[in-house]
Amino acid sequence: MGEASHSGHEFFTLKALLFKELVATQGFTTFVLEASWSTGLRLDAYVTDGTGDPEQIMREEFQGQYVFWNTDEYLDLIHWMRHYNVSNPDQPALHFAGNDLGYPGTDAFDRVSAYLNAHRPDLTEQINDLYRGIRPGRGAQTGDWMGQQLTKDAASRRKEADQAEHALAVLRTSGRPLGSAGHAYDCAVQNATAIAQTFTGYAFPHDEFPARMRFRDRAMADNTAWWLAHTNGKVLLASNNGHVAYTSDNPQEFPEPVGAFLRDELGARYMNIGLTFNEGSLNALPDYASHNPQEYAVPAAPSGHNEHILGQLSCLDFALDLRTAPPAARTWLDTARPTRSFGLYWSPRTPKQPWAARTTYSST
């Protein structure tokens, strides 16, 4: 489920309401957010076991590019998920996951170490040596760490990626144990994979931005699919429209989105819903150097925009299923028009896109 802006009350609220309905009626169990894998581990520990303070976790983890997730709407959802698990011990547990690679955290490292200590102590020293120097200190500032990582020289970033990838290779080639330890091995490999994804993502040369974004979207798709395969139930992925779409609206910079990878892997089991709006306000960062979001007014979409046409309808909130649209509507849907698209940074840019090829749309 996408959104036309990274910071809008209605988008976040609608996703939470829909997830609750899907839990109650459709067997959904996991809420996946476009956030670091390590952040998901911390929040999932609270949702499943009551470990930690979610408000503190969000304050510590949702910094930098994830600053817009530190909201009352998501905190309320996480509290609701914890309450559901406590109140429904006979039902499959709900989980909260992050699928992104921005920050490696400490929890993924801790869980790899715990697996090694319990099942492969002979590998502990070797993998700990590989992780030494790249593991963030506990209590590290997430935003500062991500900013500093981008300023390192290319050789340093490549060396760190090589260390993380080597550790993953050692763990993978150690072999999957039989019995219950097999699941522990699967989780350890996934945690090591997430660590390697982070450092590999930062290792791309700065002039290879499209390749890095393709790698990132592939990683987010893989991590989402892993949750689907290794936990009971179904998954709601919360991201922006550009990530969940089947095709990119900016292939020069973002060549292949998460939705394209998931559609290839899952087929019709993957369905996306985009969210857009005609007018209102949103929060965004003014530029790449700023860490303080600002509020921006968004006037009604001008003539020629997709939202302008939909804004002429008498109903305020509606959903449009592009899979079942009649022929006359398909002609309109197949035409590329300017469409609302706001990410981390404020920009009046409105990429042209044909909705029919990208998603099933809802306006709020």
Protein backbone atom coordinates (compact mmCIF):
# COMPACT_ATOMS: atom_id res chain seq x y z
CA MET A 1 0.00 0.00 0.00
CA GLY A 2 1.60 3.22 -1.19
CA GLU A 3 1.24 6.92 -0.51
CA ALA A 4 1.78 10.08 -2.51
CA SER A 5 3.68 11.67 0.37
CA HIS A 6 5.96 10.33 3.09
CA SER A 7 4.14 12.36 5.71
CA GLY A 8 0.37 12.58 5.65
CA HIS A 9 -2.01 11.82 8.51
CA GLU A 10 -4.68 10.38 6.26
CA PHE A 11 -2.29 7.97 4.54
CA PHE A 12 -0.89 6.60 7.81
CA THR A 13 -4.33 6.36 9.41
CA LEU A 14 -5.83 4.54 6.44
CA LYS A 15 -3.00 1.99 6.40
CA ALA A 16 -3.48 1.28 10.10
CA LEU A 17 -7.25 0.90 9.71
CA LEU A 18 -6.85 -1.38 6.73
CA PHE A 19 -4.28 -3.55 8.51
CA LYS A 20 -6.62 -4.02 11.47
CA GLU A 21 -9.42 -5.04 9.11
CA LEU A 22 -7.15 -7.46 7.25
CA VAL A 23 -6.03 -9.03 10.54
CA ALA A 24 -9.66 -9.54 11.55
CA THR A 25 -10.98 -10.86 8.25
CA GLN A 26 -8.19 -11.99 5.90
CA GLY A 27 -5.50 -13.66 7.99
CA PHE A 28 -2.88 -10.90 7.80
CA THR A 29 -0.20 -11.04 10.50
CA THR A 30 2.73 -8.79 9.50
CA PHE A 31 2.97 -5.04 8.99
CA VAL A 32 6.10 -4.26 6.96
CA LEU A 33 7.29 -0.65 6.88
CA GLU A 34 9.87 1.02 4.66
CA ALA A 35 12.32 1.19 7.56
CA SER A 36 15.60 -0.47 8.44
CA TRP A 37 15.56 -4.21 9.09
CA SER A 38 17.16 -3.62 12.50
CA THR A 39 14.44 -1.16 13.46
CA GLY A 40 11.84 -3.77 12.63
CA LEU A 41 13.59 -6.27 14.93
CA ARG A 42 13.41 -3.85 17.85
CA LEU A 43 9.77 -2.95 17.31
CA ASP A 44 8.81 -6.58 16.68
CA ALA A 45 10.35 -7.54 20.02
CA TYR A 46 7.92 -5.14 21.68
CA VAL A 47 4.94 -6.28 19.61
CA THR A 48 5.57 -9.98 20.32
CA ASP A 49 7.20 -9.99 23.77
CA GLY A 50 6.67 -6.54 25.26
CA THR A 51 10.43 -5.86 25.19
CA GLY A 52 11.44 -2.20 25.20
CA ASP A 53 9.60 1.10 24.96
CA PRO A 54 8.24 1.66 21.43
CA GLU A 55 8.18 5.43 21.78
CA GLN A 56 11.88 5.44 22.70
CA ILE A 57 12.72 2.96 19.94
CA MET A 58 10.96 5.10 17.35
CA ARG A 59 12.68 8.24 18.61
CA GLU A 60 16.08 6.55 18.35
CA GLU A 61 15.56 4.71 15.06
CA PHE A 62 13.34 7.01 13.00
CA GLN A 63 15.95 9.60 12.16
CA GLY A 64 17.51 10.81 8.92
CA GLN A 65 15.63 9.39 5.95
CA TYR A 66 13.18 7.68 8.31
CA VAL A 67 12.25 10.77 10.33
CA PHE A 68 8.70 10.83 8.95
CA TRP A 69 7.81 7.49 10.57
CA ASN A 70 8.14 8.86 14.12
CA THR A 71 4.44 9.68 14.38
CA ASP A 72 1.53 9.14 16.74
CA GLU A 73 -0.26 7.16 14.02
CA TYR A 74 2.46 4.49 13.84
CA LEU A 75 2.98 4.48 17.60
CA ASP A 76 -0.75 3.86 18.07
CA LEU A 77 -0.62 1.00 15.56
CA ILE A 78 2.31 -0.63 17.35
CA HIS A 79 0.51 -0.36 20.71
CA TRP A 80 -2.59 -1.90 19.10
CA MET A 81 -0.54 -4.80 17.72
CA ARG A 82 0.93 -5.49 21.16
CA HIS A 83 -2.51 -5.36 22.75
CA TYR A 84 -3.85 -7.75 20.11
CA ASN A 85 -1.11 -10.29 20.82
CA VAL A 86 -1.71 -10.13 24.56
CA SER A 87 -5.47 -10.38 24.16
CA ASN A 88 -5.42 -13.17 21.56
CA PRO A 89 -2.85 -15.75 22.71
CA ASP A 90 -4.55 -18.51 20.70
CA GLN A 91 -4.29 -16.57 17.41
CA PRO A 92 -1.17 -16.32 15.19
CA ALA A 93 1.03 -13.55 16.58
CA LEU A 94 1.21 -10.22 14.82
CA HIS A 95 4.63 -8.98 13.70
CA PHE A 96 6.17 -5.64 12.79
CA ALA A 97 9.02 -5.66 10.27
CA GLY A 98 11.30 -3.25 8.47
CA ASN A 99 12.42 -4.12 4.95
CA ASP A 100 14.97 -1.41 4.19
CA LEU A 101 18.77 -1.19 4.45
CA GLY A 102 19.55 2.34 5.65
CA TYR A 103 20.91 1.48 9.09
CA PRO A 104 22.38 -1.88 10.27
CA GLY A 105 21.61 -1.31 13.96
CA THR A 106 22.92 -3.67 16.64
CA ASP A 107 20.11 -6.19 16.97
CA ALA A 108 20.89 -8.04 13.73
CA PHE A 109 24.52 -8.43 14.85
CA ASP A 110 23.38 -9.63 18.28
CA ARG A 111 21.12 -12.26 16.76
CA VAL A 112 23.82 -13.61 14.48
CA SER A 113 26.14 -13.86 17.48
CA ALA A 114 23.45 -15.61 19.54
CA TYR A 115 23.00 -18.24 16.83
CA LEU A 116 26.75 -18.83 16.56
CA ASN A 117 27.17 -19.16 20.32
CA ALA A 118 24.33 -21.68 20.51
CA HIS A 119 24.95 -23.72 17.36
CA ARG A 120 28.31 -22.91 15.73
CA PRO A 121 30.75 -21.65 18.38
CA ASP A 122 33.58 -22.73 16.07
CA LEU A 123 32.65 -19.84 13.75
CA THR A 124 32.09 -17.18 16.40
CA GLU A 125 35.60 -15.76 16.44
CA GLN A 126 35.90 -15.64 12.64
CA ILE A 127 32.60 -13.84 12.09
CA ASN A 128 33.10 -11.51 15.06
CA ASP A 129 36.47 -10.51 13.55
CA LEU A 130 34.73 -9.69 10.28
CA TYR A 131 32.08 -7.64 12.06
CA ARG A 132 34.61 -5.80 14.21
CA GLY A 133 34.81 -2.18 13.13
CA ILE A 134 31.57 -2.12 11.16
CA ARG A 135 29.11 -2.82 13.95
CA PRO A 136 27.54 0.42 15.27
CA GLY A 137 27.92 1.01 18.99
CA ARG A 138 24.81 0.53 21.07
CA GLY A 139 23.12 3.87 21.47
CA ALA A 140 24.61 5.23 18.23
CA GLN A 141 22.60 8.03 16.64
CA THR A 142 20.91 6.53 13.61
CA GLY A 143 20.77 9.73 11.59
CA ASP A 144 24.39 10.63 12.33
CA TRP A 145 25.57 7.13 11.40
CA MET A 146 23.83 7.22 8.02
CA GLY A 147 25.19 10.69 7.28
CA GLN A 148 28.73 9.70 8.20
CA GLN A 149 28.54 6.55 6.09
CA LEU A 150 27.87 8.63 2.99
CA THR A 151 30.94 10.80 3.63
CA LYS A 152 33.42 7.89 3.80
CA ASP A 153 35.73 7.37 0.84
CA ALA A 154 34.85 4.69 -1.69
CA ALA A 155 37.64 2.31 -0.63
CA SER A 156 36.51 2.33 3.01
CA ARG A 157 32.90 1.70 2.06
CA ARG A 158 33.91 -1.16 -0.24
CA LYS A 159 36.10 -2.73 2.47
CA GLU A 160 33.23 -2.68 4.97
CA ALA A 161 30.91 -4.26 2.40
CA ASP A 162 33.46 -6.98 1.73
CA GLN A 163 33.64 -7.77 5.45
CA ALA A 164 29.86 -8.02 5.80
CA GLU A 165 29.52 -10.11 2.63
CA HIS A 166 32.34 -12.45 3.75
CA ALA A 167 30.62 -13.00 7.11
CA LEU A 168 27.38 -13.85 5.31
CA ALA A 169 29.21 -16.30 3.02
CA VAL A 170 30.83 -18.06 5.98
CA LEU A 171 27.47 -18.46 7.68
CA ARG A 172 25.73 -19.68 4.53
CA THR A 173 28.37 -22.32 3.78
CA SER A 174 28.28 -23.62 7.35
CA GLY A 175 25.20 -25.65 6.46
CA ARG A 176 21.64 -25.71 7.73
CA PRO A 177 21.23 -27.85 10.86
CA LEU A 178 18.48 -30.42 11.18
CA GLY A 179 15.50 -30.05 13.50
CA SER A 180 14.51 -26.87 15.31
CA ALA A 181 17.95 -25.37 14.81
CA GLY A 182 17.13 -25.09 11.12
CA HIS A 183 14.76 -22.19 11.73
CA ALA A 184 17.36 -20.48 13.91
CA TYR A 185 19.84 -20.86 11.03
CA ASP A 186 17.34 -19.32 8.57
CA CYS A 187 16.87 -16.31 10.85
CA ALA A 188 20.63 -15.92 11.38
CA VAL A 189 21.26 -15.97 7.63
CA GLN A 190 18.54 -13.38 7.08
CA ASN A 191 20.02 -11.10 9.76
CA ALA A 192 23.47 -11.47 8.22
CA THR A 193 21.92 -10.78 4.82
CA ALA A 194 20.36 -7.55 6.10
CA ILE A 195 23.73 -6.45 7.49
CA ALA A 196 25.42 -7.17 4.17
CA GLN A 197 22.66 -5.34 2.29
CA THR A 198 23.32 -2.17 4.28
CA PHE A 199 27.05 -2.04 3.69
CA THR A 200 26.79 -3.15 0.06
CA GLY A 201 24.21 -0.44 -0.54
CA TYR A 202 26.57 2.23 0.77
CA ALA A 203 29.50 0.79 -1.23
CA PHE A 204 28.09 1.86 -4.59
CA PRO A 205 30.05 4.78 -6.09
CA HIS A 206 28.17 8.04 -5.71
CA ASP A 207 27.87 8.35 -9.49
CA GLU A 208 26.04 5.01 -9.68
CA PHE A 209 22.86 6.21 -8.00
CA PRO A 210 20.42 4.28 -10.25
CA ALA A 211 22.30 1.01 -9.62
CA ARG A 212 22.23 1.64 -5.88
CA MET A 213 18.49 2.34 -5.96
CA ARG A 214 17.85 -0.83 -7.92
CA PHE A 215 19.88 -2.79 -5.36
CA ARG A 216 17.93 -1.13 -2.55
CA ASP A 217 14.52 -1.91 -4.05
CA ARG A 218 15.61 -5.49 -4.71
CA ALA A 219 16.69 -5.80 -1.06
CA MET A 220 13.39 -4.39 0.19
CA ALA A 221 11.48 -6.85 -1.97
CA ASP A 222 13.61 -9.79 -0.80
CA ASN A 223 13.19 -8.87 2.86
CA THR A 224 9.43 -8.52 2.46
CA ALA A 225 9.22 -11.88 0.69
CA TRP A 226 11.29 -13.47 3.46
CA TRP A 227 8.74 -12.39 6.06
CA LEU A 228 5.95 -13.77 3.92
CA ALA A 229 7.71 -17.11 3.57
CA HIS A 230 8.84 -17.53 7.19
CA THR A 231 5.86 -16.30 9.21
CA ASN A 232 2.22 -17.37 9.29
CA GLY A 233 -0.32 -15.24 7.47
CA LYS A 234 -0.12 -12.43 4.95
CA VAL A 235 1.82 -9.19 4.76
CA LEU A 236 0.82 -5.54 4.36
CA LEU A 237 3.76 -3.55 3.01
CA ALA A 238 3.61 0.19 3.75
CA SER A 239 5.80 2.31 1.49
CA ASN A 240 5.38 5.07 -1.07
CA ASN A 241 3.70 4.78 -4.44
CA GLY A 242 7.00 4.75 -6.30
CA HIS A 243 8.25 1.70 -4.40
CA VAL A 244 5.11 -0.45 -4.47
CA ALA A 245 4.29 0.21 -8.15
CA TYR A 246 4.83 -2.40 -10.85
CA THR A 247 6.75 0.08 -13.03
CA SER A 248 8.94 3.09 -12.29
CA ASP A 249 7.80 6.65 -12.91
CA ASN A 250 11.47 7.72 -13.08
CA PRO A 251 13.45 4.86 -14.67
CA GLN A 252 16.55 7.01 -15.14
CA GLU A 253 17.08 7.26 -11.35
CA PHE A 254 14.88 4.46 -9.99
CA PRO A 255 15.02 1.76 -12.67
CA GLU A 256 13.08 -1.07 -11.01
CA PRO A 257 10.81 -0.66 -7.96
CA VAL A 258 10.02 -3.06 -5.14
CA GLY A 259 6.66 -3.84 -6.70
CA ALA A 260 8.25 -5.08 -9.92
CA PHE A 261 10.42 -7.56 -8.01
CA LEU A 262 7.55 -8.76 -5.84
CA ARG A 263 5.26 -9.11 -8.84
CA ASP A 264 7.88 -11.26 -10.58
CA GLU A 265 8.34 -13.45 -7.50
CA LEU A 266 4.77 -13.68 -6.22
CA GLY A 267 2.66 -13.13 -9.32
CA ALA A 268 -0.99 -12.46 -8.53
CA ARG A 269 -0.24 -13.00 -4.82
CA TYR A 270 1.16 -9.46 -4.86
CA MET A 271 -1.33 -6.62 -5.29
CA ASN A 272 -0.57 -2.96 -4.77
CA ILE A 273 -2.75 0.00 -3.87
CA GLY A 274 -1.56 3.55 -4.47
CA LEU A 275 -2.88 6.50 -2.48
CA THR A 276 -3.12 10.02 -3.82
CA PHE A 277 -4.87 13.31 -2.98
CA ASN A 278 -6.03 16.46 -4.71
CA GLU A 279 -5.08 19.16 -2.20
CA GLY A 280 -4.00 19.67 1.40
CA SER A 281 -0.62 19.86 3.12
CA LEU A 282 2.32 17.57 3.83
CA ASN A 283 5.66 17.47 5.61
CA ALA A 284 8.95 17.18 3.72
CA LEU A 285 12.61 18.11 4.06
CA PRO A 286 13.45 21.35 2.21
CA ASP A 287 16.71 19.98 0.75
CA TYR A 288 19.37 17.29 1.08
CA ALA A 289 21.30 19.19 3.77
CA SER A 290 18.32 19.66 6.12
CA HIS A 291 17.18 17.33 8.89
CA ASN A 292 14.16 19.41 9.97
CA PRO A 293 10.88 18.68 8.16
CA GLN A 294 8.71 21.61 7.15
CA GLU A 295 5.04 21.80 6.29
CA TYR A 296 4.12 22.61 2.71
CA ALA A 297 0.73 23.57 1.35
CA VAL A 298 -0.33 21.69 -1.76
CA PRO A 299 -2.98 23.50 -3.81
CA ALA A 300 -5.60 21.72 -5.85
CA ALA A 301 -4.11 19.88 -8.79
CA PRO A 302 -4.14 21.94 -12.01
CA SER A 303 -5.93 20.92 -15.16
CA GLY A 304 -4.35 17.94 -16.88
CA HIS A 305 -3.29 16.18 -13.69
CA ASN A 306 -4.82 12.82 -12.79
CA GLU A 307 -5.89 14.22 -9.43
CA HIS A 308 -7.60 17.21 -11.06
CA ILE A 309 -9.89 14.92 -13.02
CA LEU A 310 -10.67 12.72 -10.03
CA GLY A 311 -11.23 15.82 -7.94
CA GLN A 312 -14.29 16.65 -10.06
CA LEU A 313 -16.16 13.65 -8.62
CA SER A 314 -18.82 14.29 -6.03
CA CYS A 315 -17.50 11.73 -3.52
CA LEU A 316 -14.63 12.76 -1.28
CA ASP A 317 -13.01 9.35 -0.72
CA PHE A 318 -13.10 6.51 -3.20
CA ALA A 319 -11.22 3.51 -4.58
CA LEU A 320 -10.71 2.71 -8.25
CA ASP A 321 -9.92 -0.90 -9.21
CA LEU A 322 -7.83 -0.63 -12.35
CA ARG A 323 -8.09 -4.38 -12.98
CA THR A 324 -11.82 -4.23 -13.73
CA ALA A 325 -12.14 -0.79 -15.35
CA PRO A 326 -14.35 -0.78 -18.49
CA PRO A 327 -12.83 -0.06 -21.94
CA ALA A 328 -13.66 3.64 -21.93
CA ALA A 329 -11.92 4.07 -18.60
CA ARG A 330 -8.95 1.98 -19.73
CA THR A 331 -8.23 4.46 -22.52
CA TRP A 332 -8.04 7.25 -19.96
CA LEU A 333 -6.01 5.15 -17.52
CA ASP A 334 -3.47 4.16 -20.18
CA THR A 335 -2.53 7.81 -20.83
CA ALA A 336 0.45 9.23 -18.92
CA ARG A 337 -0.42 12.42 -17.01
CA PRO A 338 1.22 14.42 -14.20
CA THR A 339 0.54 12.72 -10.86
CA ARG A 340 1.24 13.67 -7.24
CA SER A 341 4.56 12.23 -6.02
CA PHE A 342 6.35 13.56 -2.94
CA GLY A 343 9.25 11.79 -1.27
CA LEU A 344 11.67 12.84 1.44
CA TYR A 345 12.39 16.23 -0.11
CA TRP A 346 10.03 18.95 -1.18
CA SER A 347 9.66 19.31 -4.91
CA PRO A 348 6.80 20.53 -7.10
CA ARG A 349 7.81 17.89 -9.68
CA THR A 350 4.89 15.82 -10.93
CA PRO A 351 6.05 12.86 -13.01
CA LYS A 352 3.84 11.67 -15.82
CA GLN A 353 2.56 8.16 -15.42
CA PRO A 354 -0.21 5.95 -16.82
CA TRP A 355 -2.04 4.52 -13.85
CA ALA A 356 -3.24 1.37 -15.57
CA ALA A 357 0.26 -0.15 -15.64
CA ARG A 358 1.27 0.80 -12.11
CA THR A 359 -1.24 0.12 -9.39
CA THR A 360 -4.82 0.03 -8.08
CA TYR A 361 -5.53 3.57 -6.91
CA SER A 362 -7.37 5.13 -3.98
CA SER A 363 -7.90 8.81 -3.34
CA THR A 364 -8.15 10.20 0.16
